[in-house]
Amino acid sequence: MINRAAGQTVTVGSYNVKNMFAKEDIVPGSRTRPKPEFELEALSRVIKNVDADVVSLQELSSAKTLKAFMKDKGLDKIYPHVAHITGNSERGINVGIISKYPFEAVVTHKDQEFPLIDGSGDAKFSRDLLRVDVDLDGQPGAELSVYNTHSKSRLPSEGPGPSSDTQRASEAREMRRLAEEEMKPFPNRLYVLTGDWNDNTNDASVQEVLNPKSGEKFVDSLASLPADERNTWPANPNASHGHDPEQFDHIVYPESKADQMLGSEIHRFEATPDGKYKWLSSAASDHLMITAKFKVQE
């Protein structure tokens, strides 16, 4: 076990790994294909290069496939603690969290029902809202909680049900409500909301988290950057398929914890020294990995 003394730092990452599917994970009729070895190797290099302490991952498939990838690439030695619970996606897209430090608790909210913001009914998270409580010092009581979700795509919803915009905004409001409620008994604990939210900072769903009608404001870790420097998708800006670059990926924390945030970064990797990759980041995923570094509360 790695122990971390109070007053030191912890780095949290968030990364959409783009369809980490093995052949057996693909549901019949899906156009998804297994993630090629070339991309898996690039993905492992990015994660190792960044070397965050706790990493939220989106677009996973099964726990078996995630653990096989980590073992094959030697990541299981760096991140021995893995949280993965199958969520609500019909295509089998899941979220997970890997960590250098042990979990005191792993909590799923996949069965949580909440009202849609337009009053048209109730919904559940498109995949899950996964929470881990992280033990950084080996003593009873977690010092960090990390929430991870992958919000509804912007693509138009098919069949009955809410629009994709309504679903994303509703998920965001519930994510914040749950986090505030669950963290209320732990006023000194740092907690962060992470994931691919499929919206920019100024879009309605993210504003549901950052600037609600009442309650504490939250802060996006990339807020100090100019708007045109916050984009995390696409990893290769020349492969945007006609869409403008976006900041889909977020690490968000309560404003009251702002004095603990030391800095945030978007990680872009180009050519590798061995010449195998000309643009490592875009070989790994269509998203860039982001991190935020925090002081651990005394």
C-alpha atoms as a PDB file:
ATOM      1  CA  MET A   1       0.000   0.000   0.000  1.00  0.00           C
ATOM      2  CA  ILE A   2       1.171   3.534  -0.789  1.00  0.00           C
ATOM      3  CA  ASN A   3       0.655   5.906   2.116  1.00  0.00           C
ATOM      4  CA  ARG A   4       0.264   9.627   1.620  1.00  0.00           C
ATOM      5  CA  ALA A   5       0.716  12.110   4.439  1.00  0.00           C
ATOM      6  CA  ALA A   6      -1.680  15.010   4.882  1.00  0.00           C
ATOM      7  CA  GLY A   7      -0.471  18.154   3.146  1.00  0.00           C
ATOM      8  CA  GLN A   8       0.843  16.263   0.139  1.00  0.00           C
ATOM      9  CA  THR A   9      -0.894  16.107  -3.220  1.00  0.00           C
ATOM     10  CA  VAL A  10      -3.132  13.810  -5.231  1.00  0.00           C
ATOM     11  CA  THR A  11      -3.707  13.950  -8.987  1.00  0.00           C
ATOM     12  CA  VAL A  12      -7.071  12.909 -10.418  1.00  0.00           C
ATOM     13  CA  GLY A  13      -7.481  12.122 -14.122  1.00  0.00           C
ATOM     14  CA  SER A  14     -10.430  11.670 -16.460  1.00  0.00           C
ATOM     15  CA  TYR A  15     -10.169   9.881 -19.795  1.00  0.00           C
ATOM     16  CA  ASN A  16     -12.619   8.646 -22.416  1.00  0.00           C
ATOM     17  CA  VAL A  17     -10.706   5.656 -23.800  1.00  0.00           C
ATOM     18  CA  LYS A  18     -12.891   5.225 -26.920  1.00  0.00           C
ATOM     19  CA  ASN A  19     -14.613   1.874 -27.160  1.00  0.00           C
ATOM     20  CA  MET A  20     -12.428  -0.462 -25.130  1.00  0.00           C
ATOM     21  CA  PHE A  21     -14.292  -3.508 -26.403  1.00  0.00           C
ATOM     22  CA  ALA A  22     -13.119  -7.069 -26.921  1.00  0.00           C
ATOM     23  CA  LYS A  23     -14.960  -9.198 -29.461  1.00  0.00           C
ATOM     24  CA  GLU A  24     -17.046 -10.947 -26.801  1.00  0.00           C
ATOM     25  CA  ASP A  25     -18.257  -7.596 -25.414  1.00  0.00           C
ATOM     26  CA  ILE A  26     -20.025  -6.487 -28.596  1.00  0.00           C
ATOM     27  CA  VAL A  27     -23.799  -6.873 -28.597  1.00  0.00           C
ATOM     28  CA  PRO A  28     -25.444  -8.366 -31.698  1.00  0.00           C
ATOM     29  CA  GLY A  29     -26.194  -5.774 -34.360  1.00  0.00           C
ATOM     30  CA  SER A  30     -23.768  -3.207 -32.993  1.00  0.00           C
ATOM     31  CA  ARG A  31     -21.386  -1.418 -35.352  1.00  0.00           C
ATOM     32  CA  THR A  32     -18.753  -1.332 -32.610  1.00  0.00           C
ATOM     33  CA  ARG A  33     -15.535  -3.190 -33.380  1.00  0.00           C
ATOM     34  CA  PRO A  34     -12.880  -4.520 -30.993  1.00  0.00           C
ATOM     35  CA  LYS A  35     -10.301  -1.880 -30.072  1.00  0.00           C
ATOM     36  CA  PRO A  36      -7.158  -2.663 -32.110  1.00  0.00           C
ATOM     37  CA  GLU A  37      -3.903  -3.583 -30.394  1.00  0.00           C
ATOM     38  CA  PHE A  38      -2.221  -0.497 -31.905  1.00  0.00           C
ATOM     39  CA  GLU A  39      -4.745   1.705 -30.090  1.00  0.00           C
ATOM     40  CA  LEU A  40      -4.573  -0.294 -26.851  1.00  0.00           C
ATOM     41  CA  GLU A  41      -0.800   0.096 -26.748  1.00  0.00           C
ATOM     42  CA  ALA A  42      -1.139   3.843 -27.379  1.00  0.00           C
ATOM     43  CA  LEU A  43      -3.742   4.072 -24.622  1.00  0.00           C
ATOM     44  CA  SER A  44      -1.484   2.366 -22.104  1.00  0.00           C
ATOM     45  CA  ARG A  45       1.383   4.703 -23.009  1.00  0.00           C
ATOM     46  CA  VAL A  46      -0.779   7.772 -22.455  1.00  0.00           C
ATOM     47  CA  ILE A  47      -1.939   6.538 -19.038  1.00  0.00           C
ATOM     48  CA  LYS A  48       1.631   5.711 -18.016  1.00  0.00           C
ATOM     49  CA  ASN A  49       2.973   9.041 -19.302  1.00  0.00           C
ATOM     50  CA  VAL A  50       0.402  11.032 -17.330  1.00  0.00           C
ATOM     51  CA  ASP A  51       0.873   8.949 -14.161  1.00  0.00           C
ATOM     52  CA  ALA A  52      -2.164  10.292 -12.279  1.00  0.00           C
ATOM     53  CA  ASP A  53      -3.009   8.776  -8.906  1.00  0.00           C
ATOM     54  CA  VAL A  54      -6.694   8.064  -9.583  1.00  0.00           C
ATOM     55  CA  VAL A  55      -8.152   7.900 -13.099  1.00  0.00           C
ATOM     56  CA  SER A  56     -11.810   7.945 -14.137  1.00  0.00           C
ATOM     57  CA  LEU A  57     -12.345   6.023 -17.376  1.00  0.00           C
ATOM     58  CA  GLN A  58     -15.269   6.173 -19.796  1.00  0.00           C
ATOM     59  CA  GLU A  59     -16.271   3.955 -22.757  1.00  0.00           C
ATOM     60  CA  LEU A  60     -15.180   0.760 -21.098  1.00  0.00           C
ATOM     61  CA  SER A  61     -16.931  -2.527 -21.821  1.00  0.00           C
ATOM     62  CA  SER A  62     -16.607  -5.375 -19.319  1.00  0.00           C
ATOM     63  CA  ALA A  63     -14.555  -5.573 -16.143  1.00  0.00           C
ATOM     64  CA  LYS A  64     -12.877  -8.648 -17.641  1.00  0.00           C
ATOM     65  CA  THR A  65     -11.694  -6.695 -20.678  1.00  0.00           C
ATOM     66  CA  LEU A  66     -10.460  -3.778 -18.569  1.00  0.00           C
ATOM     67  CA  LYS A  67      -8.500  -6.036 -16.223  1.00  0.00           C
ATOM     68  CA  ALA A  68      -7.036  -8.022 -19.140  1.00  0.00           C
ATOM     69  CA  PHE A  69      -5.851  -4.775 -20.749  1.00  0.00           C
ATOM     70  CA  MET A  70      -4.282  -3.590 -17.506  1.00  0.00           C
ATOM     71  CA  LYS A  71      -2.505  -6.894 -16.894  1.00  0.00           C
ATOM     72  CA  ASP A  72      -1.262  -7.143 -20.477  1.00  0.00           C
ATOM     73  CA  LYS A  73       0.177  -3.599 -20.384  1.00  0.00           C
ATOM     74  CA  GLY A  74       1.565  -3.767 -16.841  1.00  0.00           C
ATOM     75  CA  LEU A  75      -0.895  -1.168 -15.588  1.00  0.00           C
ATOM     76  CA  ASP A  76      -2.171  -3.506 -12.886  1.00  0.00           C
ATOM     77  CA  LYS A  77       1.131  -3.039 -11.065  1.00  0.00           C
ATOM     78  CA  ILE A  78       0.670   0.750 -11.109  1.00  0.00           C
ATOM     79  CA  TYR A  79      -3.088   0.755 -10.477  1.00  0.00           C
ATOM     80  CA  PRO A  80      -3.912  -2.309  -8.374  1.00  0.00           C
ATOM     81  CA  HIS A  81      -7.351  -0.988  -7.361  1.00  0.00           C
ATOM     82  CA  VAL A  82     -10.156  -1.150  -9.934  1.00  0.00           C
ATOM     83  CA  ALA A  83     -13.827  -0.172  -9.651  1.00  0.00           C
ATOM     84  CA  HIS A  84     -16.146  -1.321 -12.439  1.00  0.00           C
ATOM     85  CA  ILE A  85     -19.892  -1.988 -12.275  1.00  0.00           C
ATOM     86  CA  THR A  86     -22.024  -2.790 -15.312  1.00  0.00           C
ATOM     87  CA  GLY A  87     -24.369   0.133 -15.938  1.00  0.00           C
ATOM     88  CA  ASN A  88     -27.452   0.914 -17.989  1.00  0.00           C
ATOM     89  CA  SER A  89     -26.088   1.204 -21.529  1.00  0.00           C
ATOM     90  CA  GLU A  90     -27.733  -1.150 -24.027  1.00  0.00           C
ATOM     91  CA  ARG A  91     -24.532  -1.067 -26.074  1.00  0.00           C
ATOM     92  CA  GLY A  92     -22.509  -2.096 -23.044  1.00  0.00           C
ATOM     93  CA  ILE A  93     -20.608   1.165 -22.510  1.00  0.00           C
ATOM     94  CA  ASN A  94     -19.505   1.437 -18.895  1.00  0.00           C
ATOM     95  CA  VAL A  95     -17.427   3.643 -16.624  1.00  0.00           C
ATOM     96  CA  GLY A  96     -14.701   2.635 -14.206  1.00  0.00           C
ATOM     97  CA  ILE A  97     -12.033   4.052 -11.923  1.00  0.00           C
ATOM     98  CA  ILE A  98      -8.461   2.840 -11.444  1.00  0.00           C
ATOM     99  CA  SER A  99      -6.303   3.897  -8.526  1.00  0.00           C
ATOM    100  CA  LYS A 100      -2.883   3.608  -6.938  1.00  0.00           C
ATOM    101  CA  TYR A 101      -4.627   3.828  -3.573  1.00  0.00           C
ATOM    102  CA  PRO A 102      -7.222   1.500  -2.045  1.00  0.00           C
ATOM    103  CA  PHE A 103     -10.937   2.169  -2.013  1.00  0.00           C
ATOM    104  CA  GLU A 104     -12.785   2.425   1.251  1.00  0.00           C
ATOM    105  CA  ALA A 105     -16.064   2.172  -0.668  1.00  0.00           C
ATOM    106  CA  VAL A 106     -17.365   1.692  -4.214  1.00  0.00           C
ATOM    107  CA  VAL A 107     -20.880   3.009  -4.823  1.00  0.00           C
ATOM    108  CA  THR A 108     -23.050   2.687  -7.929  1.00  0.00           C
ATOM    109  CA  HIS A 109     -26.050   4.890  -8.715  1.00  0.00           C
ATOM    110  CA  LYS A 110     -27.178   3.001 -11.811  1.00  0.00           C
ATOM    111  CA  ASP A 111     -30.582   2.235 -10.289  1.00  0.00           C
ATOM    112  CA  GLN A 112     -31.141   5.767  -9.011  1.00  0.00           C
ATOM    113  CA  GLU A 113     -34.316   7.356 -10.439  1.00  0.00           C
ATOM    114  CA  PHE A 114     -34.632  11.123 -10.707  1.00  0.00           C
ATOM    115  CA  PRO A 115     -37.043  13.610 -12.291  1.00  0.00           C
ATOM    116  CA  LEU A 116     -36.397  15.014 -15.739  1.00  0.00           C
ATOM    117  CA  ILE A 117     -35.884  18.775 -15.686  1.00  0.00           C
ATOM    118  CA  ASP A 118     -38.819  19.368 -18.055  1.00  0.00           C
ATOM    119  CA  GLY A 119     -41.230  17.565 -15.724  1.00  0.00           C
ATOM    120  CA  SER A 120     -42.054  14.894 -18.291  1.00  0.00           C
ATOM    121  CA  GLY A 121     -41.223  11.918 -16.094  1.00  0.00           C
ATOM    122  CA  ASP A 122     -38.348  10.114 -14.417  1.00  0.00           C
ATOM    123  CA  ALA A 123     -35.062   8.742 -15.717  1.00  0.00           C
ATOM    124  CA  LYS A 124     -31.887   6.901 -14.738  1.00  0.00           C
ATOM    125  CA  PHE A 125     -28.274   7.623 -15.604  1.00  0.00           C
ATOM    126  CA  SER A 126     -27.455   6.677 -19.192  1.00  0.00           C
ATOM    127  CA  ARG A 127     -24.573   4.522 -17.945  1.00  0.00           C
ATOM    128  CA  ASP A 128     -23.904   5.036 -14.236  1.00  0.00           C
ATOM    129  CA  LEU A 129     -22.704   7.552 -11.720  1.00  0.00           C
ATOM    130  CA  LEU A 130     -19.880   5.617 -10.068  1.00  0.00           C
ATOM    131  CA  ARG A 131     -18.311   6.810  -6.803  1.00  0.00           C
ATOM    132  CA  VAL A 132     -15.173   5.645  -5.058  1.00  0.00           C
ATOM    133  CA  ASP A 133     -13.950   6.760  -1.633  1.00  0.00           C
ATOM    134  CA  VAL A 134     -10.162   6.683  -1.680  1.00  0.00           C
ATOM    135  CA  ASP A 135      -7.921   5.960   1.308  1.00  0.00           C
ATOM    136  CA  LEU A 136      -4.769   8.009   0.743  1.00  0.00           C
ATOM    137  CA  ASP A 137      -3.023   7.484   4.096  1.00  0.00           C
ATOM    138  CA  GLY A 138      -3.853   3.971   5.249  1.00  0.00           C
ATOM    139  CA  GLN A 139      -5.858   5.274   8.209  1.00  0.00           C
ATOM    140  CA  PRO A 140      -9.628   4.814   8.709  1.00  0.00           C
ATOM    141  CA  GLY A 141     -11.647   7.368   6.769  1.00  0.00           C
ATOM    142  CA  ALA A 142     -11.299   8.353   3.121  1.00  0.00           C
ATOM    143  CA  GLU A 143      -9.623  11.621   2.164  1.00  0.00           C
ATOM    144  CA  LEU A 144     -10.993  11.757  -1.396  1.00  0.00           C
ATOM    145  CA  SER A 145     -14.207  10.801  -3.206  1.00  0.00           C
ATOM    146  CA  VAL A 146     -14.305  10.636  -6.997  1.00  0.00           C
ATOM    147  CA  TYR A 147     -17.541  10.542  -9.006  1.00  0.00           C
ATOM    148  CA  ASN A 148     -17.423   9.378 -12.615  1.00  0.00           C
ATOM    149  CA  THR A 149     -20.098   9.454 -15.291  1.00  0.00           C
ATOM    150  CA  HIS A 150     -20.468   9.404 -19.074  1.00  0.00           C
ATOM    151  CA  SER A 151     -23.418  11.575 -19.975  1.00  0.00           C
ATOM    152  CA  LYS A 152     -25.917  10.964 -22.744  1.00  0.00           C
ATOM    153  CA  SER A 153     -24.579  11.580 -26.253  1.00  0.00           C
ATOM    154  CA  ARG A 154     -25.637  14.675 -28.174  1.00  0.00           C
ATOM    155  CA  LEU A 155     -27.000  12.443 -30.927  1.00  0.00           C
ATOM    156  CA  PRO A 156     -30.802  12.660 -31.162  1.00  0.00           C
ATOM    157  CA  SER A 157     -32.560  10.126 -28.958  1.00  0.00           C
ATOM    158  CA  GLU A 158     -34.408   7.345 -30.760  1.00  0.00           C
ATOM    159  CA  GLY A 159     -37.919   6.272 -29.801  1.00  0.00           C
ATOM    160  CA  PRO A 160     -39.924   7.546 -26.838  1.00  0.00           C
ATOM    161  CA  GLY A 161     -38.316   9.357 -23.957  1.00  0.00           C
ATOM    162  CA  PRO A 162     -36.579  12.648 -23.303  1.00  0.00           C
ATOM    163  CA  SER A 163     -34.386  14.497 -25.780  1.00  0.00           C
ATOM    164  CA  SER A 164     -30.667  13.958 -25.365  1.00  0.00           C
ATOM    165  CA  ASP A 165     -30.302  17.568 -24.140  1.00  0.00           C
ATOM    166  CA  THR A 166     -32.954  17.038 -21.464  1.00  0.00           C
ATOM    167  CA  GLN A 167     -31.380  13.752 -20.384  1.00  0.00           C
ATOM    168  CA  ARG A 168     -27.896  15.277 -20.030  1.00  0.00           C
ATOM    169  CA  ALA A 169     -29.134  18.261 -18.036  1.00  0.00           C
ATOM    170  CA  SER A 170     -31.233  16.011 -15.799  1.00  0.00           C
ATOM    171  CA  GLU A 171     -28.296  13.682 -15.165  1.00  0.00           C
ATOM    172  CA  ALA A 172     -26.082  16.655 -14.315  1.00  0.00           C
ATOM    173  CA  ARG A 173     -28.560  18.074 -11.811  1.00  0.00           C
ATOM    174  CA  GLU A 174     -28.930  14.699 -10.124  1.00  0.00           C
ATOM    175  CA  MET A 175     -25.176  14.101 -10.082  1.00  0.00           C
ATOM    176  CA  ARG A 176     -24.619  17.322  -8.199  1.00  0.00           C
ATOM    177  CA  ARG A 177     -27.543  16.681  -5.822  1.00  0.00           C
ATOM    178  CA  LEU A 178     -26.294  13.209  -4.958  1.00  0.00           C
ATOM    179  CA  ALA A 179     -22.725  14.357  -4.443  1.00  0.00           C
ATOM    180  CA  GLU A 180     -23.741  17.174  -2.112  1.00  0.00           C
ATOM    181  CA  GLU A 181     -26.061  14.895  -0.149  1.00  0.00           C
ATOM    182  CA  GLU A 182     -23.551  12.065   0.184  1.00  0.00           C
ATOM    183  CA  MET A 183     -20.618  14.326   1.099  1.00  0.00           C
ATOM    184  CA  LYS A 184     -22.505  16.384   3.690  1.00  0.00           C
ATOM    185  CA  PRO A 185     -21.385  14.091   6.556  1.00  0.00           C
ATOM    186  CA  PHE A 186     -17.733  14.570   5.470  1.00  0.00           C
ATOM    187  CA  PRO A 187     -17.123  18.336   5.368  1.00  0.00           C
ATOM    188  CA  ASN A 188     -13.329  18.012   5.267  1.00  0.00           C
ATOM    189  CA  ARG A 189     -13.241  15.462   2.462  1.00  0.00           C
ATOM    190  CA  LEU A 190     -12.204  16.556  -1.008  1.00  0.00           C
ATOM    191  CA  TYR A 191     -14.613  15.354  -3.667  1.00  0.00           C
ATOM    192  CA  VAL A 192     -14.607  15.780  -7.427  1.00  0.00           C
ATOM    193  CA  LEU A 193     -17.101  15.107 -10.220  1.00  0.00           C
ATOM    194  CA  THR A 194     -15.464  13.764 -13.362  1.00  0.00           C
ATOM    195  CA  GLY A 195     -16.229  12.301 -16.744  1.00  0.00           C
ATOM    196  CA  ASP A 196     -17.145  12.798 -20.362  1.00  0.00           C
ATOM    197  CA  TRP A 197     -20.235  14.981 -20.041  1.00  0.00           C
ATOM    198  CA  ASN A 198     -20.685  15.524 -23.800  1.00  0.00           C
ATOM    199  CA  ASP A 199     -21.084  19.272 -23.263  1.00  0.00           C
ATOM    200  CA  ASN A 200     -18.912  22.367 -22.886  1.00  0.00           C
ATOM    201  CA  THR A 201     -18.538  24.384 -19.695  1.00  0.00           C
ATOM    202  CA  ASN A 202     -21.052  26.995 -20.833  1.00  0.00           C
ATOM    203  CA  ASP A 203     -23.685  24.474 -21.965  1.00  0.00           C
ATOM    204  CA  ALA A 204     -26.842  23.967 -19.929  1.00  0.00           C
ATOM    205  CA  SER A 205     -25.991  20.547 -18.507  1.00  0.00           C
ATOM    206  CA  VAL A 206     -22.583  21.591 -17.149  1.00  0.00           C
ATOM    207  CA  GLN A 207     -24.058  24.807 -15.785  1.00  0.00           C
ATOM    208  CA  GLU A 208     -26.489  22.642 -13.792  1.00  0.00           C
ATOM    209  CA  VAL A 209     -23.413  21.512 -11.853  1.00  0.00           C
ATOM    210  CA  LEU A 210     -21.377  24.717 -11.794  1.00  0.00           C
ATOM    211  CA  ASN A 211     -24.004  27.399 -11.228  1.00  0.00           C
ATOM    212  CA  PRO A 212     -27.306  26.084  -9.856  1.00  0.00           C
ATOM    213  CA  LYS A 213     -30.165  28.396  -8.899  1.00  0.00           C
ATOM    214  CA  SER A 214     -29.279  27.833  -5.253  1.00  0.00           C
ATOM    215  CA  GLY A 215     -26.372  26.373  -3.349  1.00  0.00           C
ATOM    216  CA  GLU A 216     -22.615  26.528  -3.604  1.00  0.00           C
ATOM    217  CA  LYS A 217     -20.943  27.167  -6.949  1.00  0.00           C
ATOM    218  CA  PHE A 218     -18.694  24.482  -8.355  1.00  0.00           C
ATOM    219  CA  VAL A 219     -15.534  25.065 -10.413  1.00  0.00           C
ATOM    220  CA  ASP A 220     -14.347  23.392 -13.610  1.00  0.00           C
ATOM    221  CA  SER A 221     -10.656  22.562 -13.241  1.00  0.00           C
ATOM    222  CA  LEU A 222      -9.906  23.964 -16.713  1.00  0.00           C
ATOM    223  CA  ALA A 223     -11.754  27.253 -16.101  1.00  0.00           C
ATOM    224  CA  SER A 224      -8.529  29.277 -15.850  1.00  0.00           C
ATOM    225  CA  LEU A 225      -7.643  28.449 -19.462  1.00  0.00           C
ATOM    226  CA  PRO A 226      -8.938  30.531 -22.395  1.00  0.00           C
ATOM    227  CA  ALA A 227     -12.054  28.930 -23.863  1.00  0.00           C
ATOM    228  CA  ASP A 228     -10.276  27.918 -27.074  1.00  0.00           C
ATOM    229  CA  GLU A 229      -7.574  26.103 -25.061  1.00  0.00           C
ATOM    230  CA  ARG A 230      -9.951  23.900 -23.038  1.00  0.00           C
ATOM    231  CA  ASN A 231     -10.973  21.593 -25.875  1.00  0.00           C
ATOM    232  CA  THR A 232     -10.537  17.887 -25.157  1.00  0.00           C
ATOM    233  CA  TRP A 233     -12.248  16.503 -28.273  1.00  0.00           C
ATOM    234  CA  PRO A 234     -11.188  15.579 -30.864  1.00  0.00           C
ATOM    235  CA  ALA A 235      -7.702  14.481 -29.872  1.00  0.00           C
ATOM    236  CA  ASN A 236      -6.694  15.138 -33.469  1.00  0.00           C
ATOM    237  CA  PRO A 237      -8.143  18.570 -34.352  1.00  0.00           C
ATOM    238  CA  ASN A 238      -7.891  17.683 -38.046  1.00  0.00           C
ATOM    239  CA  ALA A 239     -10.340  14.797 -37.593  1.00  0.00           C
ATOM    240  CA  SER A 240     -13.364  16.656 -36.251  1.00  0.00           C
ATOM    241  CA  HIS A 241     -15.753  15.316 -38.920  1.00  0.00           C
ATOM    242  CA  GLY A 242     -17.123  18.788 -39.529  1.00  0.00           C
ATOM    243  CA  HIS A 243     -17.735  19.608 -35.848  1.00  0.00           C
ATOM    244  CA  ASP A 244     -16.001  22.328 -33.880  1.00  0.00           C
ATOM    245  CA  PRO A 245     -13.591  21.223 -31.112  1.00  0.00           C
ATOM    246  CA  GLU A 246     -15.293  20.855 -27.729  1.00  0.00           C
ATOM    247  CA  GLN A 247     -14.484  20.508 -24.042  1.00  0.00           C
ATOM    248  CA  PHE A 248     -16.423  17.348 -23.307  1.00  0.00           C
ATOM    249  CA  ASP A 249     -14.244  16.172 -20.412  1.00  0.00           C
ATOM    250  CA  HIS A 250     -14.479  17.656 -16.939  1.00  0.00           C
ATOM    251  CA  ILE A 251     -13.068  17.529 -13.431  1.00  0.00           C
ATOM    252  CA  VAL A 252     -15.263  19.689 -11.193  1.00  0.00           C
ATOM    253  CA  TYR A 253     -15.037  20.489  -7.481  1.00  0.00           C
ATOM    254  CA  PRO A 254     -16.890  22.682  -4.941  1.00  0.00           C
ATOM    255  CA  GLU A 255     -15.784  26.297  -4.776  1.00  0.00           C
ATOM    256  CA  SER A 256     -15.095  25.827  -1.050  1.00  0.00           C
ATOM    257  CA  LYS A 257     -12.294  23.410  -2.022  1.00  0.00           C
ATOM    258  CA  ALA A 258     -10.710  25.855  -4.502  1.00  0.00           C
ATOM    259  CA  ASP A 259      -7.733  26.513  -2.237  1.00  0.00           C
ATOM    260  CA  GLN A 260      -6.799  22.835  -2.554  1.00  0.00           C
ATOM    261  CA  MET A 261      -6.632  22.874  -6.368  1.00  0.00           C
ATOM    262  CA  LEU A 262      -3.040  23.357  -7.543  1.00  0.00           C
ATOM    263  CA  GLY A 263      -3.473  23.137 -11.302  1.00  0.00           C
ATOM    264  CA  SER A 264      -5.109  21.306 -14.166  1.00  0.00           C
ATOM    265  CA  GLU A 265      -3.804  20.075 -17.493  1.00  0.00           C
ATOM    266  CA  ILE A 266      -4.892  18.670 -20.844  1.00  0.00           C
ATOM    267  CA  HIS A 267      -2.393  16.044 -21.977  1.00  0.00           C
ATOM    268  CA  ARG A 268      -1.359  15.957 -25.643  1.00  0.00           C
ATOM    269  CA  PHE A 269       1.290  13.529 -26.826  1.00  0.00           C
ATOM    270  CA  GLU A 270       2.702  13.602 -30.332  1.00  0.00           C
ATOM    271  CA  ALA A 271       5.515  11.464 -31.805  1.00  0.00           C
ATOM    272  CA  THR A 272       6.981   8.717 -29.622  1.00  0.00           C
ATOM    273  CA  PRO A 273      10.772   8.284 -29.340  1.00  0.00           C
ATOM    274  CA  ASP A 274      10.610   4.810 -30.904  1.00  0.00           C
ATOM    275  CA  GLY A 275       8.813   6.167 -33.980  1.00  0.00           C
ATOM    276  CA  LYS A 276       5.815   3.851 -33.602  1.00  0.00           C
ATOM    277  CA  TYR A 277       3.332   6.715 -33.182  1.00  0.00           C
ATOM    278  CA  LYS A 278       3.333  10.052 -34.988  1.00  0.00           C
ATOM    279  CA  TRP A 279       0.501  11.343 -32.752  1.00  0.00           C
ATOM    280  CA  LEU A 280       0.150   9.172 -29.676  1.00  0.00           C
ATOM    281  CA  SER A 281      -2.919  10.888 -28.251  1.00  0.00           C
ATOM    282  CA  SER A 282      -5.112  10.431 -31.317  1.00  0.00           C
ATOM    283  CA  ALA A 283      -3.947   6.825 -31.766  1.00  0.00           C
ATOM    284  CA  ALA A 284      -5.172   6.086 -28.242  1.00  0.00           C
ATOM    285  CA  SER A 285      -8.575   7.816 -28.291  1.00  0.00           C
ATOM    286  CA  ASP A 286     -10.637  10.572 -29.856  1.00  0.00           C
ATOM    287  CA  HIS A 287     -10.501  12.375 -26.470  1.00  0.00           C
ATOM    288  CA  LEU A 288      -7.553  13.872 -24.624  1.00  0.00           C
ATOM    289  CA  MET A 289      -6.875  12.913 -21.018  1.00  0.00           C
ATOM    290  CA  ILE A 290      -7.188  15.656 -18.399  1.00  0.00           C
ATOM    291  CA  THR A 291      -5.887  15.867 -14.839  1.00  0.00           C
ATOM    292  CA  ALA A 292      -6.274  18.095 -11.797  1.00  0.00           C
ATOM    293  CA  LYS A 293      -3.829  18.203  -8.911  1.00  0.00           C
ATOM    294  CA  PHE A 294      -5.043  18.857  -5.362  1.00  0.00           C
ATOM    295  CA  LYS A 295      -3.555  19.349  -1.909  1.00  0.00           C
ATOM    296  CA  VAL A 296      -4.664  16.748   0.611  1.00  0.00           C
ATOM    297  CA  GLN A 297      -6.539  18.325   3.518  1.00  0.00           C
ATOM    298  CA  GLU A 298      -4.624  18.510   6.780  1.00  0.00           C
END
